[in-house]
Amino acid sequence: MKEITIIRHGKSSWDFDVDDKDRPLKERGINDAILVSNHFNKELTPPDIVFSSPANRALHTCMIFMRQLEISMSKVIITDQLYDFGGSSVTNFIKQLDDRYNNVMIFGHNHAFTSISNIFGDKFIENLPTAGVVKIKFDVAHWSDIKKGVTELIIFPKKFK
């Protein structure tokens, strides 16, 4: 059995003249990440490993989740493959995961994460909102074999406001 939790970064700010990778979270992005991670904590199966895009907004969201879920930052690996907006890099990344990991959490971006949620999950999601969470389970032994899984959990921030 393989399980992946897909988390889109919190709402980011366009108020600063910085490169895309350096854009920070807005206050709403921070608050939504805290809100969602607190609710996700009730559903949490601790991940074997966590991966994050190197973008400031994704990594900051990841750090908030790790703190709220009491998961050590030593489990976090930053990878450029998750700094993807189309989805092909993320798909390749997932299919190449080490099979010793059964439960993986990833932090990244749209439209890639909405696309991945719909490609691999069995529930259609129009748009994975900022700070949104989708958990998908696969009845396979190898990440390279994943196809359509079962969407076990969808959490959107607006549900708790």
N, C-alpha and C. Protein backbone atom coordinates (compact mmCIF):
# COMPACT_ATOMS: atom_id res chain seq x y z
N MET A 1 0.83 -1.18 0.00
CA MET A 1 0.00 0.00 0.00
C MET A 1 0.88 1.25 0.00
N LYS A 2 0.57 2.21 -0.85
CA LYS A 2 1.27 3.49 -0.91
C LYS A 2 0.25 4.59 -0.67
N GLU A 3 0.70 5.65 0.00
CA GLU A 3 -0.18 6.78 0.31
C GLU A 3 0.58 8.07 0.10
N ILE A 4 -0.05 9.01 -0.60
CA ILE A 4 0.57 10.32 -0.79
C ILE A 4 -0.38 11.41 -0.34
N THR A 5 0.16 12.37 0.37
CA THR A 5 -0.59 13.55 0.78
C THR A 5 -0.02 14.74 0.01
N ILE A 6 -0.89 15.38 -0.74
CA ILE A 6 -0.52 16.51 -1.60
C ILE A 6 -1.01 17.79 -0.94
N ILE A 7 -0.11 18.73 -0.69
CA ILE A 7 -0.49 19.97 -0.03
C ILE A 7 -0.01 21.16 -0.87
N ARG A 8 -0.97 21.96 -1.29
CA ARG A 8 -0.63 23.17 -2.04
C ARG A 8 -0.21 24.26 -1.05
N HIS A 9 0.77 25.04 -1.44
CA HIS A 9 1.25 26.12 -0.56
C HIS A 9 0.13 27.09 -0.22
N GLY A 10 0.30 27.81 0.89
CA GLY A 10 -0.66 28.83 1.31
C GLY A 10 -0.65 30.02 0.36
N LYS A 11 -1.63 30.89 0.54
CA LYS A 11 -1.77 32.09 -0.30
C LYS A 11 -0.50 32.93 -0.23
N SER A 12 0.04 33.24 -1.40
CA SER A 12 1.29 34.00 -1.44
C SER A 12 1.04 35.47 -1.77
N SER A 13 2.05 36.26 -1.49
CA SER A 13 1.97 37.70 -1.69
C SER A 13 2.65 38.09 -2.99
N TRP A 14 2.04 39.04 -3.67
CA TRP A 14 2.63 39.64 -4.88
C TRP A 14 3.10 41.06 -4.57
N ASP A 15 3.16 41.41 -3.28
CA ASP A 15 3.48 42.78 -2.87
C ASP A 15 4.96 43.12 -2.95
N PHE A 16 5.80 42.15 -3.23
CA PHE A 16 7.24 42.39 -3.22
C PHE A 16 7.82 42.15 -4.61
N ASP A 17 8.81 42.92 -4.95
CA ASP A 17 9.48 42.79 -6.24
C ASP A 17 10.60 41.76 -6.11
N VAL A 18 10.20 40.47 -6.09
CA VAL A 18 11.17 39.38 -5.92
C VAL A 18 10.91 38.32 -6.99
N ASP A 19 11.89 37.45 -7.20
CA ASP A 19 11.71 36.32 -8.11
C ASP A 19 10.57 35.45 -7.61
N ASP A 20 9.96 34.71 -8.52
CA ASP A 20 8.83 33.85 -8.17
C ASP A 20 9.15 32.91 -7.02
N LYS A 21 10.34 32.30 -7.03
CA LYS A 21 10.71 31.36 -5.97
C LYS A 21 10.79 32.03 -4.60
N ASP A 22 10.98 33.33 -4.58
CA ASP A 22 11.18 34.05 -3.32
C ASP A 22 9.91 34.68 -2.76
N ARG A 23 8.78 34.56 -3.48
CA ARG A 23 7.55 35.17 -2.98
C ARG A 23 7.14 34.57 -1.64
N PRO A 24 6.84 35.43 -0.65
CA PRO A 24 6.45 34.93 0.68
C PRO A 24 4.96 34.64 0.78
N LEU A 25 4.58 34.04 1.89
CA LEU A 25 3.16 33.84 2.18
C LEU A 25 2.55 35.16 2.65
N LYS A 26 1.28 35.35 2.32
CA LYS A 26 0.50 36.44 2.90
C LYS A 26 0.10 36.01 4.31
N GLU A 27 -0.38 36.92 5.10
CA GLU A 27 -0.86 36.57 6.44
C GLU A 27 -1.98 35.53 6.33
N ARG A 28 -2.86 35.69 5.34
CA ARG A 28 -3.93 34.71 5.14
C ARG A 28 -3.35 33.34 4.84
N GLY A 29 -2.27 33.27 4.08
CA GLY A 29 -1.62 32.00 3.76
C GLY A 29 -1.10 31.31 5.00
N ILE A 30 -0.51 32.09 5.89
CA ILE A 30 -0.01 31.54 7.16
C ILE A 30 -1.17 31.03 8.00
N ASN A 31 -2.21 31.85 8.12
CA ASN A 31 -3.37 31.48 8.94
C ASN A 31 -4.09 30.25 8.40
N ASP A 32 -4.24 30.18 7.06
CA ASP A 32 -4.90 29.02 6.46
C ASP A 32 -4.07 27.75 6.66
N ALA A 33 -2.75 27.86 6.55
CA ALA A 33 -1.88 26.69 6.76
C ALA A 33 -2.01 26.18 8.19
N ILE A 34 -2.08 27.08 9.14
CA ILE A 34 -2.26 26.69 10.55
C ILE A 34 -3.63 26.04 10.74
N LEU A 35 -4.67 26.67 10.18
CA LEU A 35 -6.04 26.16 10.30
C LEU A 35 -6.17 24.75 9.71
N VAL A 36 -5.69 24.58 8.49
CA VAL A 36 -5.81 23.28 7.81
C VAL A 36 -4.96 22.22 8.50
N SER A 37 -3.73 22.57 8.88
CA SER A 37 -2.87 21.57 9.53
C SER A 37 -3.45 21.12 10.86
N ASN A 38 -4.11 22.01 11.58
CA ASN A 38 -4.75 21.62 12.84
C ASN A 38 -5.88 20.62 12.60
N HIS A 39 -6.64 20.80 11.54
CA HIS A 39 -7.73 19.87 11.22
C HIS A 39 -7.17 18.58 10.62
N PHE A 40 -6.13 18.70 9.83
CA PHE A 40 -5.50 17.54 9.22
C PHE A 40 -4.88 16.64 10.29
N ASN A 41 -4.45 17.22 11.38
CA ASN A 41 -3.81 16.48 12.47
C ASN A 41 -4.70 15.34 12.97
N LYS A 42 -6.02 15.52 12.91
CA LYS A 42 -6.96 14.49 13.35
C LYS A 42 -6.97 13.29 12.41
N GLU A 43 -6.57 13.51 11.16
CA GLU A 43 -6.60 12.47 10.13
C GLU A 43 -5.20 11.93 9.82
N LEU A 44 -4.21 12.44 10.50
CA LEU A 44 -2.81 12.21 10.14
C LEU A 44 -2.33 10.78 10.38
N THR A 45 -1.76 10.23 9.35
CA THR A 45 -0.91 9.05 9.46
C THR A 45 0.49 9.62 9.27
N PRO A 46 1.35 9.54 10.27
CA PRO A 46 2.66 10.19 10.13
C PRO A 46 3.41 9.74 8.88
N PRO A 47 3.91 10.69 8.10
CA PRO A 47 4.61 10.33 6.87
C PRO A 47 5.99 9.73 7.15
N ASP A 48 6.41 8.86 6.24
CA ASP A 48 7.77 8.32 6.31
C ASP A 48 8.78 9.40 5.93
N ILE A 49 8.37 10.27 5.00
CA ILE A 49 9.24 11.33 4.50
C ILE A 49 8.37 12.45 3.92
N VAL A 50 8.94 13.65 3.89
CA VAL A 50 8.23 14.83 3.40
C VAL A 50 9.13 15.51 2.37
N PHE A 51 8.52 15.93 1.26
CA PHE A 51 9.26 16.65 0.23
C PHE A 51 8.59 18.00 -0.01
N SER A 52 9.41 19.02 -0.28
CA SER A 52 8.88 20.35 -0.55
C SER A 52 9.59 20.98 -1.74
N SER A 53 8.82 21.75 -2.47
CA SER A 53 9.39 22.63 -3.48
C SER A 53 10.32 23.61 -2.75
N PRO A 54 11.36 24.11 -3.42
CA PRO A 54 12.25 25.07 -2.78
C PRO A 54 11.68 26.48 -2.71
N ALA A 55 10.53 26.72 -3.35
CA ALA A 55 9.95 28.07 -3.33
C ALA A 55 9.60 28.46 -1.90
N ASN A 56 9.86 29.70 -1.57
CA ASN A 56 9.64 30.22 -0.22
C ASN A 56 8.23 29.90 0.29
N ARG A 57 7.21 30.16 -0.53
CA ARG A 57 5.82 29.96 -0.10
C ARG A 57 5.52 28.49 0.20
N ALA A 58 6.08 27.57 -0.60
CA ALA A 58 5.85 26.14 -0.36
C ALA A 58 6.62 25.67 0.87
N LEU A 59 7.86 26.08 0.98
CA LEU A 59 8.69 25.66 2.11
C LEU A 59 8.16 26.22 3.43
N HIS A 60 7.68 27.47 3.41
CA HIS A 60 7.11 28.06 4.62
C HIS A 60 5.83 27.31 5.02
N THR A 61 5.00 26.97 4.03
CA THR A 61 3.80 26.19 4.32
C THR A 61 4.19 24.84 4.93
N CYS A 62 5.19 24.21 4.35
CA CYS A 62 5.69 22.93 4.87
C CYS A 62 6.13 23.08 6.32
N MET A 63 6.88 24.12 6.62
CA MET A 63 7.37 24.33 7.99
C MET A 63 6.22 24.53 8.97
N ILE A 64 5.19 25.24 8.55
CA ILE A 64 4.02 25.43 9.42
C ILE A 64 3.37 24.08 9.71
N PHE A 65 3.15 23.27 8.67
CA PHE A 65 2.55 21.95 8.85
C PHE A 65 3.41 21.08 9.77
N MET A 66 4.70 21.09 9.55
CA MET A 66 5.59 20.25 10.37
C MET A 66 5.50 20.65 11.84
N ARG A 67 5.48 21.93 12.10
CA ARG A 67 5.38 22.42 13.48
C ARG A 67 4.03 22.04 14.09
N GLN A 68 2.95 22.29 13.37
CA GLN A 68 1.61 22.01 13.89
C GLN A 68 1.37 20.51 14.06
N LEU A 69 1.95 19.70 13.17
CA LEU A 69 1.75 18.26 13.23
C LEU A 69 2.80 17.55 14.09
N GLU A 70 3.74 18.34 14.61
CA GLU A 70 4.83 17.83 15.45
C GLU A 70 5.64 16.75 14.72
N ILE A 71 5.98 17.06 13.48
CA ILE A 71 6.84 16.20 12.67
C ILE A 71 8.19 16.90 12.57
N SER A 72 9.25 16.16 12.78
CA SER A 72 10.59 16.72 12.75
C SER A 72 10.95 17.24 11.35
N MET A 73 11.57 18.40 11.31
CA MET A 73 12.04 18.96 10.04
C MET A 73 13.13 18.07 9.43
N SER A 74 13.69 17.16 10.20
CA SER A 74 14.70 16.26 9.66
C SER A 74 14.10 15.29 8.62
N LYS A 75 12.76 15.18 8.59
CA LYS A 75 12.09 14.33 7.60
C LYS A 75 11.88 15.06 6.27
N VAL A 76 12.18 16.36 6.22
CA VAL A 76 11.89 17.18 5.04
C VAL A 76 13.08 17.22 4.09
N ILE A 77 12.80 16.95 2.83
CA ILE A 77 13.80 17.07 1.77
C ILE A 77 13.26 18.07 0.75
N ILE A 78 14.08 19.02 0.39
CA ILE A 78 13.71 20.03 -0.59
C ILE A 78 14.16 19.55 -1.97
N THR A 79 13.24 19.61 -2.94
CA THR A 79 13.57 19.14 -4.28
C THR A 79 13.01 20.07 -5.35
N ASP A 80 13.83 20.39 -6.33
CA ASP A 80 13.41 21.24 -7.44
C ASP A 80 12.33 20.59 -8.28
N GLN A 81 12.20 19.27 -8.26
CA GLN A 81 11.19 18.59 -9.06
C GLN A 81 9.77 18.99 -8.67
N LEU A 82 9.58 19.50 -7.46
CA LEU A 82 8.25 19.93 -7.03
C LEU A 82 7.98 21.40 -7.36
N TYR A 83 8.98 22.09 -7.89
CA TYR A 83 8.76 23.46 -8.38
C TYR A 83 8.30 23.33 -9.83
N ASP A 84 7.07 22.85 -9.96
CA ASP A 84 6.48 22.48 -11.24
C ASP A 84 5.05 22.99 -11.25
N PHE A 85 4.63 23.51 -12.39
CA PHE A 85 3.29 24.07 -12.47
C PHE A 85 2.39 23.28 -13.42
N GLY A 86 2.99 22.44 -14.26
CA GLY A 86 2.21 21.66 -15.21
C GLY A 86 1.83 20.29 -14.70
N GLY A 87 2.74 19.63 -14.02
CA GLY A 87 2.45 18.33 -13.42
C GLY A 87 3.35 17.20 -13.89
N SER A 88 4.00 17.32 -15.03
CA SER A 88 4.81 16.19 -15.52
C SER A 88 6.02 15.93 -14.63
N SER A 89 6.65 16.97 -14.13
CA SER A 89 7.79 16.79 -13.23
C SER A 89 7.35 16.14 -11.92
N VAL A 90 6.20 16.56 -11.39
CA VAL A 90 5.68 15.99 -10.14
C VAL A 90 5.29 14.52 -10.36
N THR A 91 4.66 14.22 -11.49
CA THR A 91 4.29 12.83 -11.80
C THR A 91 5.53 11.95 -11.84
N ASN A 92 6.55 12.41 -12.56
CA ASN A 92 7.80 11.65 -12.64
C ASN A 92 8.42 11.47 -11.26
N PHE A 93 8.39 12.53 -10.46
CA PHE A 93 8.94 12.48 -9.11
C PHE A 93 8.25 11.40 -8.28
N ILE A 94 6.92 11.40 -8.30
CA ILE A 94 6.15 10.43 -7.52
C ILE A 94 6.44 9.00 -7.98
N LYS A 95 6.46 8.79 -9.28
CA LYS A 95 6.67 7.44 -9.82
C LYS A 95 8.09 6.93 -9.58
N GLN A 96 9.01 7.84 -9.23
CA GLN A 96 10.39 7.44 -8.95
C GLN A 96 10.72 7.41 -7.46
N LEU A 97 9.70 7.58 -6.61
CA LEU A 97 9.95 7.54 -5.17
C LEU A 97 10.52 6.19 -4.76
N ASP A 98 11.33 6.22 -3.75
CA ASP A 98 11.93 5.00 -3.19
C ASP A 98 10.82 4.16 -2.56
N ASP A 99 10.75 2.89 -2.92
CA ASP A 99 9.68 2.01 -2.44
C ASP A 99 9.73 1.73 -0.94
N ARG A 100 10.82 2.09 -0.28
CA ARG A 100 10.84 1.89 1.18
C ARG A 100 9.90 2.89 1.87
N TYR A 101 9.49 3.94 1.15
CA TYR A 101 8.54 4.92 1.69
C TYR A 101 7.13 4.52 1.29
N ASN A 102 6.29 4.28 2.28
CA ASN A 102 4.90 3.94 2.00
C ASN A 102 3.96 5.13 2.14
N ASN A 103 4.36 6.10 2.95
CA ASN A 103 3.51 7.26 3.23
C ASN A 103 4.34 8.52 3.01
N VAL A 104 4.01 9.26 1.96
CA VAL A 104 4.79 10.42 1.56
C VAL A 104 3.91 11.67 1.56
N MET A 105 4.48 12.79 1.97
CA MET A 105 3.80 14.08 1.97
C MET A 105 4.60 15.02 1.07
N ILE A 106 3.90 15.73 0.15
CA ILE A 106 4.59 16.67 -0.72
C ILE A 106 3.93 18.05 -0.67
N PHE A 107 4.77 19.09 -0.78
CA PHE A 107 4.31 20.48 -0.78
C PHE A 107 4.74 21.13 -2.08
N GLY A 108 3.78 21.77 -2.76
CA GLY A 108 4.11 22.39 -4.03
C GLY A 108 3.04 23.32 -4.54
N HIS A 109 2.82 23.29 -5.85
CA HIS A 109 2.13 24.37 -6.56
C HIS A 109 1.00 23.87 -7.45
N ASN A 110 0.16 24.80 -7.80
CA ASN A 110 -0.86 24.60 -8.82
C ASN A 110 -0.28 25.05 -10.14
N HIS A 111 -0.72 24.58 -11.18
CA HIS A 111 -1.81 23.70 -11.55
C HIS A 111 -1.38 22.24 -11.43
N ALA A 112 -0.11 22.05 -11.17
CA ALA A 112 0.42 20.69 -11.05
C ALA A 112 -0.35 19.88 -10.01
N PHE A 113 -0.61 20.45 -8.83
CA PHE A 113 -1.20 19.65 -7.76
C PHE A 113 -2.67 19.35 -8.00
N THR A 114 -3.41 20.25 -8.65
CA THR A 114 -4.79 19.93 -9.04
C THR A 114 -4.77 18.81 -10.06
N SER A 115 -3.89 18.92 -11.04
CA SER A 115 -3.76 17.91 -12.08
C SER A 115 -3.41 16.54 -11.49
N ILE A 116 -2.43 16.50 -10.61
CA ILE A 116 -2.00 15.25 -9.97
C ILE A 116 -3.15 14.64 -9.16
N SER A 117 -3.88 15.49 -8.44
CA SER A 117 -5.02 15.01 -7.64
C SER A 117 -6.06 14.34 -8.52
N ASN A 118 -6.27 14.87 -9.72
CA ASN A 118 -7.28 14.32 -10.62
C ASN A 118 -6.75 13.12 -11.42
N ILE A 119 -5.49 13.12 -11.76
CA ILE A 119 -4.90 11.99 -12.48
C ILE A 119 -4.90 10.74 -11.60
N PHE A 120 -4.48 10.91 -10.35
CA PHE A 120 -4.29 9.75 -9.47
C PHE A 120 -5.44 9.49 -8.51
N GLY A 121 -6.24 10.50 -8.21
CA GLY A 121 -7.36 10.32 -7.28
C GLY A 121 -8.64 9.94 -7.99
N ASP A 122 -9.60 9.44 -7.23
CA ASP A 122 -10.88 9.02 -7.82
C ASP A 122 -12.01 10.02 -7.59
N LYS A 123 -11.68 11.20 -7.05
CA LYS A 123 -12.67 12.27 -6.87
C LYS A 123 -12.17 13.50 -7.63
N PHE A 124 -13.03 14.04 -8.49
CA PHE A 124 -12.63 15.21 -9.29
C PHE A 124 -12.55 16.45 -8.41
N ILE A 125 -11.48 17.19 -8.58
CA ILE A 125 -11.28 18.46 -7.87
C ILE A 125 -11.12 19.54 -8.92
N GLU A 126 -12.03 20.49 -8.93
CA GLU A 126 -11.96 21.59 -9.91
C GLU A 126 -10.68 22.38 -9.75
N ASN A 127 -10.36 22.71 -8.52
CA ASN A 127 -9.15 23.49 -8.22
C ASN A 127 -8.73 23.21 -6.78
N LEU A 128 -7.50 22.78 -6.61
CA LEU A 128 -6.97 22.60 -5.26
C LEU A 128 -6.58 23.99 -4.75
N PRO A 129 -7.30 24.51 -3.77
CA PRO A 129 -7.03 25.88 -3.33
C PRO A 129 -5.73 25.96 -2.52
N THR A 130 -5.27 27.18 -2.32
CA THR A 130 -4.09 27.38 -1.48
C THR A 130 -4.35 26.77 -0.11
N ALA A 131 -3.34 26.11 0.43
CA ALA A 131 -3.39 25.39 1.71
C ALA A 131 -4.34 24.19 1.68
N GLY A 132 -4.74 23.77 0.49
CA GLY A 132 -5.59 22.59 0.35
C GLY A 132 -4.78 21.30 0.46
N VAL A 133 -5.44 20.26 0.97
CA VAL A 133 -4.82 18.95 1.19
C VAL A 133 -5.63 17.87 0.50
N VAL A 134 -4.93 16.96 -0.18
CA VAL A 134 -5.56 15.78 -0.78
C VAL A 134 -4.70 14.58 -0.42
N LYS A 135 -5.34 13.52 0.10
CA LYS A 135 -4.63 12.29 0.43
C LYS A 135 -5.18 11.16 -0.44
N ILE A 136 -4.26 10.47 -1.13
CA ILE A 136 -4.64 9.41 -2.05
C ILE A 136 -3.90 8.12 -1.66
N LYS A 137 -4.64 7.00 -1.64
CA LYS A 137 -4.05 5.68 -1.35
C LYS A 137 -4.05 4.84 -2.62
N PHE A 138 -2.99 4.04 -2.74
CA PHE A 138 -2.82 3.17 -3.89
C PHE A 138 -2.58 1.74 -3.40
N ASP A 139 -3.24 0.78 -4.03
CA ASP A 139 -3.07 -0.62 -3.67
C ASP A 139 -1.97 -1.22 -4.55
N VAL A 140 -0.74 -0.74 -4.34
CA VAL A 140 0.43 -1.21 -5.09
C VAL A 140 1.61 -1.32 -4.13
N ALA A 141 2.62 -2.05 -4.54
CA ALA A 141 3.84 -2.19 -3.73
C ALA A 141 4.94 -1.24 -4.20
N HIS A 142 4.81 -0.75 -5.43
CA HIS A 142 5.85 0.09 -6.02
C HIS A 142 5.26 1.40 -6.53
N TRP A 143 5.92 2.50 -6.22
CA TRP A 143 5.47 3.80 -6.68
C TRP A 143 5.39 3.85 -8.21
N SER A 144 6.28 3.16 -8.87
CA SER A 144 6.29 3.16 -10.34
C SER A 144 5.02 2.54 -10.93
N ASP A 145 4.28 1.78 -10.12
CA ASP A 145 3.07 1.11 -10.59
C ASP A 145 1.78 1.88 -10.32
N ILE A 146 1.87 3.05 -9.70
CA ILE A 146 0.62 3.74 -9.35
C ILE A 146 -0.13 4.17 -10.60
N LYS A 147 -1.44 4.03 -10.50
CA LYS A 147 -2.33 4.50 -11.56
C LYS A 147 -3.44 5.27 -10.84
N LYS A 148 -4.64 4.79 -10.87
CA LYS A 148 -5.75 5.45 -10.18
C LYS A 148 -5.83 4.90 -8.77
N GLY A 149 -5.82 5.81 -7.79
CA GLY A 149 -5.95 5.42 -6.40
C GLY A 149 -7.29 5.86 -5.85
N VAL A 150 -7.41 5.78 -4.54
CA VAL A 150 -8.63 6.19 -3.83
C VAL A 150 -8.34 7.48 -3.08
N THR A 151 -9.10 8.51 -3.39
CA THR A 151 -8.97 9.79 -2.69
C THR A 151 -9.63 9.61 -1.32
N GLU A 152 -8.81 9.59 -0.29
CA GLU A 152 -9.30 9.32 1.06
C GLU A 152 -9.65 10.57 1.84
N LEU A 153 -9.06 11.70 1.45
CA LEU A 153 -9.25 12.91 2.24
C LEU A 153 -9.06 14.13 1.36
N ILE A 154 -9.97 15.09 1.50
CA ILE A 154 -9.84 16.40 0.85
C ILE A 154 -10.14 17.43 1.93
N ILE A 155 -9.21 18.34 2.14
CA ILE A 155 -9.42 19.42 3.12
C ILE A 155 -9.14 20.75 2.43
N PHE A 156 -10.16 21.63 2.43
CA PHE A 156 -9.99 22.98 1.91
C PHE A 156 -10.18 23.97 3.07
N PRO A 157 -9.40 25.05 3.11
CA PRO A 157 -9.49 25.99 4.22
C PRO A 157 -10.89 26.57 4.43
N LYS A 158 -11.63 26.84 3.34
CA LYS A 158 -12.94 27.49 3.48
C LYS A 158 -13.92 26.64 4.27
N LYS A 159 -13.67 25.34 4.35
CA LYS A 159 -14.55 24.44 5.11
C LYS A 159 -14.54 24.78 6.61
N PHE A 160 -13.47 25.43 7.08
CA PHE A 160 -13.32 25.68 8.51
C PHE A 160 -13.45 27.16 8.88
N LYS A 161 -13.88 27.96 7.94
CA LYS A 161 -14.00 29.40 8.22
C LYS A 161 -15.44 29.78 8.49
